[in-house]
Amino acid sequence: MQKKTLLTATGAALLVASLVTFRADEAKPMSRSTPALPYVHLYADAKGVSHFRDEELSFSAGPAAPEVASPQLSNARALASRQLSRAPGATLLLLKRGAQEDWHRAPRRMYLIVVQGMSEVTAGDGEVRRFGLGTVLLMDDTTGKGHITRAVGDQDHIALTIPAPAD
């Protein structure tokens, strides 16, 4: 069973910015020639079977984030300035270490960013993938059979979800 905690939009923005700042030291800096963030799209086809697809979120299109006063947030904005959603309702999800959720659909179209631990997700077509710290997913299997989620490793799995537009 998932435990949910609601965040304000400001709190969610600060959490994402701190995650981006933390991960920036470990990852290659984004160059002008590669302004994109890879993510995994979990979607349902016309028959209701879910599949994974690797995609990229381009930073060259879309509105920029608003200016911020904090140096840490300014640095994060310099790395990645892309609005994910105009919708309120960011949520932290907790799946206890070793727990498994049987077949279920995403409750809404949303981005999911792993902030702690690791999960293993089984799509309807049988493909299994693992997602760890900093992984971004677009959960879009709101119809059909859905997917199975399992917390793997020695930590609880915590993820930040941000509602995504219906496009």
Protein backbone atom coordinates (compact mmCIF):
# COMPACT_ATOMS: atom_id res chain seq x y z
CA MET A 1 0.00 0.00 0.00
CA GLN A 2 1.34 3.46 -0.89
CA LYS A 3 1.56 6.27 1.64
CA LYS A 4 1.03 9.72 0.13
CA THR A 5 2.07 13.14 1.38
CA LEU A 6 0.90 16.30 -0.38
CA LEU A 7 3.39 19.07 -1.13
CA THR A 8 2.83 22.68 -2.04
CA ALA A 9 3.98 23.74 -5.51
CA THR A 10 6.82 25.73 -3.90
CA GLY A 11 7.89 22.77 -1.77
CA ALA A 12 7.90 20.50 -4.83
CA ALA A 13 9.97 23.01 -6.79
CA LEU A 14 12.52 23.27 -3.96
CA LEU A 15 12.75 19.47 -3.68
CA VAL A 16 13.29 19.03 -7.43
CA ALA A 17 15.83 21.88 -7.51
CA SER A 18 17.79 20.36 -4.63
CA LEU A 19 17.72 16.95 -6.35
CA VAL A 20 19.02 18.49 -9.59
CA THR A 21 21.74 20.36 -7.67
CA PHE A 22 22.77 17.17 -5.80
CA ARG A 23 22.86 15.07 -8.97
CA ALA A 24 24.76 17.76 -10.92
CA ASP A 25 28.00 16.86 -9.13
CA GLU A 26 27.65 13.21 -10.17
CA ALA A 27 26.48 13.64 -13.76
CA LYS A 28 28.10 15.17 -16.81
CA PRO A 29 27.15 18.84 -17.09
CA MET A 30 24.56 19.57 -19.75
CA SER A 31 26.22 21.17 -22.77
CA ARG A 32 24.62 23.40 -25.36
CA SER A 33 24.78 20.56 -27.89
CA THR A 34 22.76 18.16 -25.69
CA PRO A 35 19.94 20.17 -24.05
CA ALA A 36 17.73 17.19 -23.21
CA LEU A 37 16.84 15.05 -20.21
CA PRO A 38 16.26 11.34 -20.83
CA TYR A 39 13.16 9.82 -19.26
CA VAL A 40 11.12 6.64 -19.54
CA HIS A 41 7.55 6.81 -20.79
CA LEU A 42 5.26 4.05 -19.46
CA TYR A 43 2.13 4.10 -21.62
CA ALA A 44 -0.82 1.88 -22.53
CA ASP A 45 -1.49 0.95 -26.17
CA ALA A 46 -4.95 0.76 -27.78
CA LYS A 47 -5.44 -2.75 -26.35
CA GLY A 48 -4.61 -1.60 -22.79
CA VAL A 49 -1.18 -3.26 -22.65
CA SER A 50 1.51 -1.11 -21.05
CA HIS A 51 4.97 -0.63 -22.59
CA PHE A 52 8.19 1.28 -21.83
CA ARG A 53 9.62 3.78 -24.31
CA ASP A 54 12.82 5.81 -23.84
CA GLU A 55 12.30 9.49 -24.65
CA GLU A 56 13.95 12.87 -24.04
CA LEU A 57 12.58 16.10 -22.59
CA SER A 58 13.98 18.96 -24.65
CA PHE A 59 15.00 22.16 -22.90
CA SER A 60 14.99 24.13 -26.14
CA ALA A 61 11.19 24.33 -26.26
CA GLY A 62 8.58 25.42 -23.76
CA PRO A 63 8.38 28.20 -21.18
CA ALA A 64 11.31 28.89 -18.87
CA ALA A 65 11.02 28.66 -15.11
CA PRO A 66 10.52 31.94 -13.24
CA GLU A 67 13.54 33.84 -11.93
CA VAL A 68 14.59 32.89 -8.40
CA ALA A 69 16.70 34.66 -5.76
CA SER A 70 18.51 31.67 -4.21
CA PRO A 71 21.96 30.86 -5.68
CA GLN A 72 21.26 27.11 -5.35
CA LEU A 73 17.99 27.45 -7.27
CA SER A 74 19.64 29.71 -9.85
CA ASN A 75 22.30 27.04 -10.46
CA ALA A 76 19.62 24.37 -10.82
CA ARG A 77 17.69 26.62 -13.22
CA ALA A 78 20.83 27.07 -15.31
CA LEU A 79 21.13 23.29 -15.62
CA ALA A 80 17.50 22.62 -16.48
CA SER A 81 14.84 25.21 -17.04
CA ARG A 82 11.74 23.41 -18.25
CA GLN A 83 8.26 23.56 -16.79
CA LEU A 84 6.91 20.02 -16.34
CA SER A 85 3.33 20.90 -15.50
CA ARG A 86 1.01 23.78 -14.72
CA ALA A 87 -1.20 21.53 -12.57
CA PRO A 88 -1.08 21.59 -8.75
CA GLY A 89 -0.92 18.40 -6.72
CA ALA A 90 2.69 17.26 -6.40
CA THR A 91 2.84 14.20 -4.12
CA LEU A 92 5.51 12.14 -2.41
CA LEU A 93 4.89 8.39 -2.66
CA LEU A 94 6.40 5.86 -0.28
CA LEU A 95 6.68 2.16 -1.03
CA LYS A 96 8.26 0.30 1.89
CA ARG A 97 11.37 -1.82 1.27
CA GLY A 98 10.34 -5.22 -0.12
CA ALA A 99 6.71 -4.18 -0.72
CA GLN A 100 4.95 -4.99 -3.99
CA GLU A 101 1.88 -3.45 -5.58
CA ASP A 102 0.02 -5.90 -7.79
CA TRP A 103 -1.36 -4.83 -11.20
CA HIS A 104 -2.50 -1.21 -11.07
CA ARG A 105 -2.77 1.79 -13.39
CA ALA A 106 -1.33 5.25 -12.89
CA PRO A 107 -4.06 7.29 -11.16
CA ARG A 108 -3.41 10.18 -13.56
CA ARG A 109 -0.82 11.18 -16.15
CA MET A 110 2.19 12.27 -14.10
CA TYR A 111 5.94 12.63 -13.99
CA LEU A 112 7.60 10.48 -11.32
CA ILE A 113 11.09 11.30 -10.04
CA VAL A 114 12.86 8.79 -7.80
CA VAL A 115 14.31 10.57 -4.74
CA GLN A 116 15.29 7.51 -2.66
CA GLY A 117 15.73 3.79 -3.14
CA MET A 118 14.94 1.70 -6.19
CA SER A 119 11.83 0.23 -7.75
CA GLU A 120 11.29 -2.57 -10.21
CA VAL A 121 8.38 -2.09 -12.60
CA THR A 122 6.82 -4.80 -14.78
CA ALA A 123 4.90 -3.49 -17.80
CA GLY A 124 1.90 -5.31 -19.26
CA ASP A 125 4.03 -6.68 -22.11
CA GLY A 126 6.29 -8.44 -19.55
CA GLU A 127 9.29 -6.09 -19.78
CA VAL A 128 10.88 -5.38 -16.38
CA ARG A 129 12.97 -2.29 -15.61
CA ARG A 130 14.60 -0.91 -12.47
CA PHE A 131 14.54 2.77 -11.56
CA GLY A 132 16.91 4.38 -9.06
CA LEU A 133 17.82 7.79 -7.68
CA GLY A 134 17.20 10.63 -10.12
CA THR A 135 15.30 8.56 -12.69
CA VAL A 136 12.43 10.41 -14.37
CA LEU A 137 9.37 8.54 -15.66
CA LEU A 138 6.22 9.71 -17.38
CA MET A 139 3.51 7.47 -15.93
CA ASP A 140 0.86 7.35 -18.64
CA ASP A 141 -0.74 3.90 -18.36
CA THR A 142 -4.06 5.22 -17.03
CA THR A 143 -6.09 2.59 -18.92
CA GLY A 144 -5.82 -1.17 -19.35
CA LYS A 145 -4.11 -3.66 -17.05
CA GLY A 146 -1.40 -1.28 -15.83
CA HIS A 147 1.88 -2.38 -14.24
CA ILE A 148 3.39 -4.02 -11.14
CA THR A 149 5.68 -2.02 -8.85
CA ARG A 150 8.10 -3.51 -6.33
CA ALA A 151 10.53 -1.76 -3.97
CA VAL A 152 13.91 -3.48 -4.33
CA GLY A 153 17.15 -3.03 -2.44
CA ASP A 154 17.72 -2.15 1.20
CA GLN A 155 15.83 1.19 1.31
CA ASP A 156 12.23 2.30 1.09
CA HIS A 157 11.36 3.65 -2.37
CA ILE A 158 10.30 7.31 -2.36
CA ALA A 159 9.23 9.21 -5.47
CA LEU A 160 7.98 12.70 -6.19
CA THR A 161 5.03 12.82 -8.60
CA ILE A 162 4.02 15.91 -10.55
CA PRO A 163 0.78 15.96 -12.56
CA ALA A 164 1.43 16.17 -16.32
CA PRO A 165 -0.76 17.86 -18.93
CA ALA A 166 -3.01 15.57 -20.96
CA ASP A 167 -1.19 16.20 -24.25
